[in-house]
Amino acid sequence: MKKFLIDILAFRSSSTKAQLGTTIAVKYVKSGLTLQEATEIQQRITQAFAYDKIYRNNTICLNELSNYIERDRYKVSQVLNEYLSKNFYSLINQYRIAEAKELLRNQPYLSVKAVMYEVGFNSKTSFHNAFKKETGLSPNDYRAMSSFAS
């Protein structure tokens, strides 16, 4: 019993990243997702985001993405977590902010609020927080710096 408790304590003190990897592996151990299927799902996700720009839909959710690419929700979630190392909302924000940066640079006549709605955000606060997390700057500061750099 004492050895069992020591083993548990040793396990709990291991690194968070190792625990996360183990947790993901354990979480998906029964999923049945093959590498070929994961690759196909990843390609469909990329198509949906990069070319079809479904992230612009401000009500998009994991279920809608799964329906859009015609794949099981749980397998889509697994591909996002294991193969892309992102959750659904961080992936959406990545695409939204990339487009927002482009719009802020190339269309100075658009207000920041118009850009925010164009790329799919509903909230000024969430847009500013996501933008600052991705770039280290506010949207207005980013626009000013990019116009100065041109």
N, C-alpha and C. Protein backbone atom coordinates (compact mmCIF):
# COMPACT_ATOMS: atom_id res chain seq x y z
N MET A 1 0.82 -1.19 0.00
CA MET A 1 0.00 0.00 0.00
C MET A 1 0.87 1.25 0.00
N LYS A 2 1.95 1.23 0.82
CA LYS A 2 2.84 2.38 0.91
C LYS A 2 3.50 2.65 -0.45
N LYS A 3 3.94 1.58 -1.14
CA LYS A 3 4.56 1.74 -2.45
C LYS A 3 3.55 2.32 -3.44
N PHE A 4 2.33 1.89 -3.36
CA PHE A 4 1.27 2.40 -4.23
C PHE A 4 1.10 3.91 -4.05
N LEU A 5 1.06 4.36 -2.79
CA LEU A 5 0.93 5.79 -2.51
C LEU A 5 2.14 6.57 -3.00
N ILE A 6 3.32 6.02 -2.84
CA ILE A 6 4.54 6.68 -3.33
C ILE A 6 4.50 6.80 -4.85
N ASP A 7 4.04 5.73 -5.52
CA ASP A 7 3.92 5.78 -6.97
C ASP A 7 2.93 6.85 -7.42
N ILE A 8 1.83 6.98 -6.72
CA ILE A 8 0.83 8.01 -7.05
C ILE A 8 1.43 9.40 -6.86
N LEU A 9 2.12 9.62 -5.77
CA LEU A 9 2.74 10.92 -5.54
C LEU A 9 3.81 11.23 -6.59
N ALA A 10 4.58 10.24 -6.97
CA ALA A 10 5.60 10.44 -8.00
C ALA A 10 4.94 10.79 -9.33
N PHE A 11 3.85 10.12 -9.63
CA PHE A 11 3.12 10.41 -10.86
C PHE A 11 2.58 11.83 -10.85
N ARG A 12 2.01 12.26 -9.73
CA ARG A 12 1.44 13.60 -9.63
C ARG A 12 2.50 14.68 -9.74
N SER A 13 3.73 14.39 -9.39
CA SER A 13 4.77 15.41 -9.43
C SER A 13 5.48 15.48 -10.78
N SER A 14 5.12 14.61 -11.72
CA SER A 14 5.75 14.68 -13.05
C SER A 14 5.26 15.93 -13.77
N SER A 15 5.92 16.24 -14.85
CA SER A 15 5.65 17.51 -15.54
C SER A 15 4.22 17.58 -16.07
N THR A 16 3.71 18.77 -16.18
CA THR A 16 2.35 19.00 -16.67
C THR A 16 2.23 18.58 -18.12
N LYS A 17 3.25 18.84 -18.92
CA LYS A 17 3.20 18.48 -20.32
C LYS A 17 3.11 16.97 -20.49
N ALA A 18 3.88 16.24 -19.71
CA ALA A 18 3.83 14.78 -19.79
C ALA A 18 2.45 14.29 -19.37
N GLN A 19 1.89 14.91 -18.35
CA GLN A 19 0.55 14.52 -17.91
C GLN A 19 -0.47 14.82 -19.00
N LEU A 20 -0.33 15.96 -19.65
CA LEU A 20 -1.26 16.33 -20.71
C LEU A 20 -1.19 15.32 -21.85
N GLY A 21 0.02 14.96 -22.26
CA GLY A 21 0.18 13.97 -23.32
C GLY A 21 -0.42 12.63 -22.95
N THR A 22 -0.21 12.21 -21.72
CA THR A 22 -0.78 10.96 -21.23
C THR A 22 -2.29 11.06 -21.18
N THR A 23 -2.79 12.20 -20.72
CA THR A 23 -4.24 12.40 -20.63
C THR A 23 -4.87 12.33 -22.01
N ILE A 24 -4.26 12.98 -23.00
CA ILE A 24 -4.80 12.93 -24.36
C ILE A 24 -4.76 11.52 -24.88
N ALA A 25 -3.63 10.83 -24.68
CA ALA A 25 -3.51 9.45 -25.16
C ALA A 25 -4.56 8.55 -24.52
N VAL A 26 -4.77 8.70 -23.23
CA VAL A 26 -5.77 7.89 -22.52
C VAL A 26 -7.17 8.27 -22.96
N LYS A 27 -7.39 9.55 -23.15
CA LYS A 27 -8.71 10.05 -23.54
C LYS A 27 -9.17 9.45 -24.87
N TYR A 28 -8.25 9.28 -25.81
CA TYR A 28 -8.59 8.83 -27.15
C TYR A 28 -8.21 7.38 -27.43
N VAL A 29 -7.89 6.62 -26.40
CA VAL A 29 -7.41 5.26 -26.60
C VAL A 29 -8.43 4.38 -27.33
N LYS A 30 -9.70 4.63 -27.18
CA LYS A 30 -10.74 3.80 -27.80
C LYS A 30 -11.39 4.46 -29.01
N SER A 31 -10.82 5.54 -29.51
CA SER A 31 -11.48 6.29 -30.58
C SER A 31 -11.51 5.57 -31.92
N GLY A 32 -10.49 4.77 -32.21
CA GLY A 32 -10.45 4.06 -33.48
C GLY A 32 -10.02 4.93 -34.65
N LEU A 33 -9.53 6.12 -34.38
CA LEU A 33 -9.09 7.03 -35.43
C LEU A 33 -7.78 6.54 -36.03
N THR A 34 -7.78 6.31 -37.33
CA THR A 34 -6.55 5.88 -38.00
C THR A 34 -5.77 7.10 -38.46
N LEU A 35 -4.51 6.92 -38.75
CA LEU A 35 -3.68 8.01 -39.24
C LEU A 35 -4.21 8.54 -40.56
N GLN A 36 -4.66 7.65 -41.42
CA GLN A 36 -5.22 8.07 -42.71
C GLN A 36 -6.48 8.92 -42.51
N GLU A 37 -7.34 8.49 -41.61
CA GLU A 37 -8.56 9.24 -41.34
C GLU A 37 -8.24 10.59 -40.70
N ALA A 38 -7.26 10.61 -39.80
CA ALA A 38 -6.85 11.86 -39.15
C ALA A 38 -6.30 12.84 -40.18
N THR A 39 -5.52 12.34 -41.12
CA THR A 39 -4.96 13.19 -42.17
C THR A 39 -6.07 13.77 -43.04
N GLU A 40 -7.05 12.95 -43.37
CA GLU A 40 -8.18 13.42 -44.17
C GLU A 40 -8.99 14.47 -43.42
N ILE A 41 -9.24 14.24 -42.15
CA ILE A 41 -9.98 15.21 -41.34
C ILE A 41 -9.20 16.52 -41.25
N GLN A 42 -7.90 16.42 -41.04
CA GLN A 42 -7.06 17.61 -40.96
C GLN A 42 -7.12 18.41 -42.27
N GLN A 43 -7.08 17.73 -43.39
CA GLN A 43 -7.17 18.40 -44.69
C GLN A 43 -8.53 19.08 -44.87
N ARG A 44 -9.58 18.42 -44.44
CA ARG A 44 -10.92 19.00 -44.56
C ARG A 44 -11.08 20.22 -43.65
N ILE A 45 -10.49 20.15 -42.46
CA ILE A 45 -10.52 21.31 -41.55
C ILE A 45 -9.79 22.49 -42.18
N THR A 46 -8.62 22.21 -42.74
CA THR A 46 -7.84 23.26 -43.39
C THR A 46 -8.62 23.87 -44.55
N GLN A 47 -9.26 23.03 -45.34
CA GLN A 47 -10.08 23.50 -46.46
C GLN A 47 -11.21 24.40 -45.95
N ALA A 48 -11.89 23.94 -44.91
CA ALA A 48 -13.03 24.69 -44.37
C ALA A 48 -12.61 26.06 -43.83
N PHE A 49 -11.43 26.12 -43.22
CA PHE A 49 -10.98 27.38 -42.64
C PHE A 49 -10.26 28.26 -43.65
N ALA A 50 -9.29 27.72 -44.35
CA ALA A 50 -8.44 28.54 -45.21
C ALA A 50 -9.14 28.98 -46.49
N TYR A 51 -9.95 28.12 -47.07
CA TYR A 51 -10.56 28.43 -48.36
C TYR A 51 -12.03 28.82 -48.25
N ASP A 52 -12.77 28.09 -47.44
CA ASP A 52 -14.20 28.37 -47.30
C ASP A 52 -14.47 29.44 -46.24
N LYS A 53 -13.50 29.69 -45.40
CA LYS A 53 -13.54 30.74 -44.38
C LYS A 53 -14.77 30.63 -43.47
N ILE A 54 -15.03 29.43 -43.00
CA ILE A 54 -16.20 29.23 -42.14
C ILE A 54 -16.05 29.91 -40.79
N TYR A 55 -14.83 30.30 -40.43
CA TYR A 55 -14.61 31.01 -39.16
C TYR A 55 -15.31 32.36 -39.15
N ARG A 56 -15.67 32.87 -40.29
CA ARG A 56 -16.38 34.16 -40.35
C ARG A 56 -17.79 34.07 -39.75
N ASN A 57 -18.33 32.88 -39.70
CA ASN A 57 -19.64 32.67 -39.09
C ASN A 57 -19.47 32.86 -37.58
N ASN A 58 -20.11 33.87 -37.04
CA ASN A 58 -19.90 34.21 -35.64
C ASN A 58 -20.59 33.26 -34.66
N THR A 59 -21.32 32.28 -35.17
CA THR A 59 -21.96 31.29 -34.29
C THR A 59 -21.39 29.89 -34.51
N ILE A 60 -20.29 29.79 -35.22
CA ILE A 60 -19.71 28.48 -35.52
C ILE A 60 -19.32 27.76 -34.23
N CYS A 61 -19.53 26.47 -34.22
CA CYS A 61 -19.14 25.65 -33.08
C CYS A 61 -18.58 24.33 -33.61
N LEU A 62 -18.06 23.53 -32.73
CA LEU A 62 -17.45 22.26 -33.14
C LEU A 62 -18.46 21.37 -33.86
N ASN A 63 -19.70 21.34 -33.40
CA ASN A 63 -20.71 20.53 -34.07
C ASN A 63 -20.93 20.98 -35.51
N GLU A 64 -20.97 22.29 -35.72
CA GLU A 64 -21.18 22.82 -37.08
C GLU A 64 -19.98 22.50 -37.97
N LEU A 65 -18.77 22.62 -37.44
CA LEU A 65 -17.58 22.25 -38.21
C LEU A 65 -17.65 20.78 -38.59
N SER A 66 -18.00 19.94 -37.64
CA SER A 66 -18.09 18.49 -37.90
C SER A 66 -19.12 18.19 -38.98
N ASN A 67 -20.26 18.85 -38.89
CA ASN A 67 -21.29 18.66 -39.92
C ASN A 67 -20.80 19.18 -41.27
N TYR A 68 -20.11 20.30 -41.27
CA TYR A 68 -19.63 20.91 -42.50
C TYR A 68 -18.64 20.00 -43.23
N ILE A 69 -17.75 19.38 -42.49
CA ILE A 69 -16.76 18.50 -43.12
C ILE A 69 -17.22 17.04 -43.14
N GLU A 70 -18.43 16.81 -42.64
CA GLU A 70 -19.07 15.50 -42.66
C GLU A 70 -18.24 14.42 -41.97
N ARG A 71 -17.83 14.75 -40.77
CA ARG A 71 -17.06 13.81 -39.96
C ARG A 71 -17.58 13.83 -38.52
N ASP A 72 -17.30 12.75 -37.80
CA ASP A 72 -17.73 12.60 -36.42
C ASP A 72 -17.12 13.70 -35.54
N ARG A 73 -17.93 14.30 -34.71
CA ARG A 73 -17.51 15.40 -33.83
C ARG A 73 -16.33 15.01 -32.94
N TYR A 74 -16.36 13.81 -32.41
CA TYR A 74 -15.32 13.38 -31.48
C TYR A 74 -13.99 13.17 -32.20
N LYS A 75 -14.05 12.68 -33.42
CA LYS A 75 -12.82 12.51 -34.19
C LYS A 75 -12.26 13.86 -34.63
N VAL A 76 -13.12 14.79 -34.96
CA VAL A 76 -12.67 16.15 -35.31
C VAL A 76 -11.98 16.77 -34.10
N SER A 77 -12.59 16.63 -32.94
CA SER A 77 -11.99 17.15 -31.71
C SER A 77 -10.64 16.51 -31.44
N GLN A 78 -10.54 15.20 -31.66
CA GLN A 78 -9.28 14.49 -31.44
C GLN A 78 -8.20 15.01 -32.39
N VAL A 79 -8.54 15.22 -33.65
CA VAL A 79 -7.57 15.73 -34.62
C VAL A 79 -7.10 17.12 -34.20
N LEU A 80 -8.02 17.95 -33.78
CA LEU A 80 -7.63 19.29 -33.33
C LEU A 80 -6.67 19.21 -32.15
N ASN A 81 -6.99 18.40 -31.17
CA ASN A 81 -6.18 18.31 -29.96
C ASN A 81 -4.85 17.59 -30.17
N GLU A 82 -4.87 16.45 -30.85
CA GLU A 82 -3.67 15.64 -30.99
C GLU A 82 -2.77 16.07 -32.14
N TYR A 83 -3.36 16.38 -33.28
CA TYR A 83 -2.57 16.62 -34.48
C TYR A 83 -2.28 18.10 -34.71
N LEU A 84 -3.20 18.96 -34.32
CA LEU A 84 -2.99 20.40 -34.50
C LEU A 84 -2.58 21.08 -33.19
N SER A 85 -2.65 20.36 -32.10
CA SER A 85 -2.30 20.88 -30.76
C SER A 85 -3.03 22.17 -30.42
N LYS A 86 -4.29 22.21 -30.79
CA LYS A 86 -5.14 23.38 -30.50
C LYS A 86 -6.53 22.90 -30.14
N ASN A 87 -7.22 23.73 -29.39
CA ASN A 87 -8.63 23.46 -29.22
C ASN A 87 -9.39 24.20 -30.31
N PHE A 88 -10.66 23.95 -30.42
CA PHE A 88 -11.48 24.52 -31.49
C PHE A 88 -11.41 26.04 -31.52
N TYR A 89 -11.56 26.68 -30.35
CA TYR A 89 -11.63 28.14 -30.33
C TYR A 89 -10.28 28.81 -30.57
N SER A 90 -9.19 28.17 -30.18
CA SER A 90 -7.88 28.76 -30.49
C SER A 90 -7.60 28.67 -31.98
N LEU A 91 -8.06 27.61 -32.64
CA LEU A 91 -7.91 27.50 -34.09
C LEU A 91 -8.73 28.57 -34.80
N ILE A 92 -9.96 28.74 -34.36
CA ILE A 92 -10.81 29.77 -34.97
C ILE A 92 -10.18 31.15 -34.81
N ASN A 93 -9.72 31.44 -33.60
CA ASN A 93 -9.11 32.74 -33.36
C ASN A 93 -7.86 32.94 -34.20
N GLN A 94 -7.08 31.90 -34.41
CA GLN A 94 -5.88 32.00 -35.25
C GLN A 94 -6.25 32.48 -36.65
N TYR A 95 -7.26 31.88 -37.24
CA TYR A 95 -7.69 32.28 -38.59
C TYR A 95 -8.33 33.67 -38.59
N ARG A 96 -9.14 33.95 -37.59
CA ARG A 96 -9.79 35.26 -37.52
C ARG A 96 -8.77 36.38 -37.38
N ILE A 97 -7.79 36.18 -36.53
CA ILE A 97 -6.79 37.23 -36.31
C ILE A 97 -5.90 37.39 -37.54
N ALA A 98 -5.56 36.31 -38.20
CA ALA A 98 -4.76 36.40 -39.43
C ALA A 98 -5.48 37.25 -40.47
N GLU A 99 -6.78 37.03 -40.64
CA GLU A 99 -7.53 37.84 -41.60
C GLU A 99 -7.68 39.28 -41.11
N ALA A 100 -7.89 39.45 -39.82
CA ALA A 100 -8.02 40.80 -39.26
C ALA A 100 -6.73 41.60 -39.51
N LYS A 101 -5.59 40.97 -39.33
CA LYS A 101 -4.31 41.65 -39.57
C LYS A 101 -4.21 42.09 -41.03
N GLU A 102 -4.62 41.22 -41.91
CA GLU A 102 -4.59 41.55 -43.34
C GLU A 102 -5.52 42.73 -43.65
N LEU A 103 -6.72 42.70 -43.11
CA LEU A 103 -7.68 43.78 -43.34
C LEU A 103 -7.19 45.10 -42.75
N LEU A 104 -6.62 45.04 -41.56
CA LEU A 104 -6.12 46.26 -40.93
C LEU A 104 -4.98 46.88 -41.75
N ARG A 105 -4.15 46.05 -42.34
CA ARG A 105 -3.03 46.54 -43.17
C ARG A 105 -3.50 47.07 -44.51
N ASN A 106 -4.40 46.33 -45.16
CA ASN A 106 -4.73 46.60 -46.56
C ASN A 106 -5.98 47.42 -46.79
N GLN A 107 -6.79 47.59 -45.77
CA GLN A 107 -8.04 48.35 -45.94
C GLN A 107 -8.18 49.36 -44.80
N PRO A 108 -7.38 50.43 -44.86
CA PRO A 108 -7.37 51.40 -43.76
C PRO A 108 -8.69 52.16 -43.58
N TYR A 109 -9.55 52.13 -44.57
CA TYR A 109 -10.84 52.81 -44.46
C TYR A 109 -11.83 52.04 -43.60
N LEU A 110 -11.58 50.76 -43.36
CA LEU A 110 -12.46 49.97 -42.49
C LEU A 110 -12.16 50.28 -41.03
N SER A 111 -13.19 50.48 -40.25
CA SER A 111 -12.98 50.69 -38.81
C SER A 111 -12.58 49.37 -38.17
N VAL A 112 -11.98 49.47 -37.00
CA VAL A 112 -11.61 48.26 -36.26
C VAL A 112 -12.85 47.44 -35.95
N LYS A 113 -13.93 48.10 -35.63
CA LYS A 113 -15.18 47.40 -35.33
C LYS A 113 -15.71 46.66 -36.57
N ALA A 114 -15.60 47.28 -37.73
CA ALA A 114 -16.03 46.62 -38.97
C ALA A 114 -15.16 45.39 -39.24
N VAL A 115 -13.86 45.50 -39.00
CA VAL A 115 -12.95 44.36 -39.17
C VAL A 115 -13.34 43.26 -38.21
N MET A 116 -13.62 43.63 -36.98
CA MET A 116 -14.00 42.66 -35.95
C MET A 116 -15.20 41.83 -36.41
N TYR A 117 -16.23 42.50 -36.92
CA TYR A 117 -17.43 41.78 -37.38
C TYR A 117 -17.14 40.99 -38.66
N GLU A 118 -16.34 41.54 -39.53
CA GLU A 118 -16.02 40.88 -40.80
C GLU A 118 -15.36 39.51 -40.59
N VAL A 119 -14.49 39.41 -39.59
CA VAL A 119 -13.77 38.15 -39.37
C VAL A 119 -14.50 37.20 -38.43
N GLY A 120 -15.63 37.61 -37.87
CA GLY A 120 -16.45 36.67 -37.12
C GLY A 120 -16.57 36.88 -35.62
N PHE A 121 -15.96 37.94 -35.09
CA PHE A 121 -16.09 38.19 -33.65
C PHE A 121 -17.39 38.92 -33.37
N ASN A 122 -17.98 38.65 -32.22
CA ASN A 122 -19.20 39.33 -31.76
C ASN A 122 -18.91 40.40 -30.73
N SER A 123 -17.80 40.26 -30.05
CA SER A 123 -17.50 41.09 -28.89
C SER A 123 -16.19 41.84 -29.10
N LYS A 124 -16.23 43.14 -28.82
CA LYS A 124 -15.03 43.96 -28.92
C LYS A 124 -13.96 43.47 -27.95
N THR A 125 -14.38 43.11 -26.76
CA THR A 125 -13.44 42.64 -25.74
C THR A 125 -12.75 41.34 -26.17
N SER A 126 -13.52 40.38 -26.66
CA SER A 126 -12.91 39.12 -27.08
C SER A 126 -12.00 39.33 -28.29
N PHE A 127 -12.38 40.22 -29.19
CA PHE A 127 -11.54 40.53 -30.34
C PHE A 127 -10.22 41.15 -29.89
N HIS A 128 -10.29 42.15 -29.04
CA HIS A 128 -9.07 42.80 -28.56
C HIS A 128 -8.17 41.83 -27.79
N ASN A 129 -8.78 41.02 -26.93
CA ASN A 129 -7.99 40.04 -26.17
C ASN A 129 -7.31 39.02 -27.07
N ALA A 130 -8.05 38.49 -28.03
CA ALA A 130 -7.47 37.50 -28.95
C ALA A 130 -6.40 38.14 -29.83
N PHE A 131 -6.65 39.36 -30.28
CA PHE A 131 -5.69 40.06 -31.13
C PHE A 131 -4.40 40.33 -30.37
N LYS A 132 -4.55 40.81 -29.15
CA LYS A 132 -3.37 41.12 -28.34
C LYS A 132 -2.60 39.85 -27.99
N LYS A 133 -3.30 38.78 -27.73
CA LYS A 133 -2.64 37.50 -27.41
C LYS A 133 -1.82 37.02 -28.60
N GLU A 134 -2.34 37.19 -29.79
CA GLU A 134 -1.67 36.72 -31.00
C GLU A 134 -0.53 37.63 -31.44
N THR A 135 -0.71 38.95 -31.31
CA THR A 135 0.25 39.89 -31.88
C THR A 135 1.04 40.68 -30.84
N GLY A 136 0.52 40.76 -29.62
CA GLY A 136 1.16 41.59 -28.60
C GLY A 136 0.76 43.05 -28.70
N LEU A 137 -0.13 43.36 -29.65
CA LEU A 137 -0.57 44.74 -29.87
C LEU A 137 -2.09 44.80 -29.93
N SER A 138 -2.62 45.99 -29.68
CA SER A 138 -4.05 46.20 -29.91
C SER A 138 -4.27 46.34 -31.42
N PRO A 139 -5.48 46.15 -31.91
CA PRO A 139 -5.72 46.32 -33.35
C PRO A 139 -5.33 47.70 -33.86
N ASN A 140 -5.64 48.75 -33.09
CA ASN A 140 -5.27 50.11 -33.51
C ASN A 140 -3.76 50.29 -33.57
N ASP A 141 -3.06 49.79 -32.58
CA ASP A 141 -1.59 49.88 -32.58
C ASP A 141 -1.00 49.09 -33.75
N TYR A 142 -1.56 47.92 -34.02
CA TYR A 142 -1.09 47.11 -35.14
C TYR A 142 -1.26 47.87 -36.45
N ARG A 143 -2.42 48.46 -36.64
CA ARG A 143 -2.68 49.24 -37.86
C ARG A 143 -1.70 50.39 -37.98
N ALA A 144 -1.47 51.10 -36.88
CA ALA A 144 -0.54 52.24 -36.90
C ALA A 144 0.86 51.78 -37.24
N MET A 145 1.31 50.69 -36.65
CA MET A 145 2.66 50.20 -36.92
C MET A 145 2.80 49.70 -38.35
N SER A 146 1.78 49.04 -38.86
CA SER A 146 1.88 48.52 -40.22
C SER A 146 1.83 49.65 -41.24
N SER A 147 1.08 50.70 -40.99
CA SER A 147 1.06 51.84 -41.92
C SER A 147 2.38 52.62 -41.84
N PHE A 148 2.97 52.66 -40.66
CA PHE A 148 4.26 53.32 -40.48
C PHE A 148 5.37 52.56 -41.19
N ALA A 149 5.27 51.22 -41.16
CA ALA A 149 6.30 50.36 -41.76
C ALA A 149 6.24 50.38 -43.28
N SER A 150 5.10 50.73 -43.84
CA SER A 150 4.93 50.72 -45.31
C SER A 150 5.66 51.83 -46.00
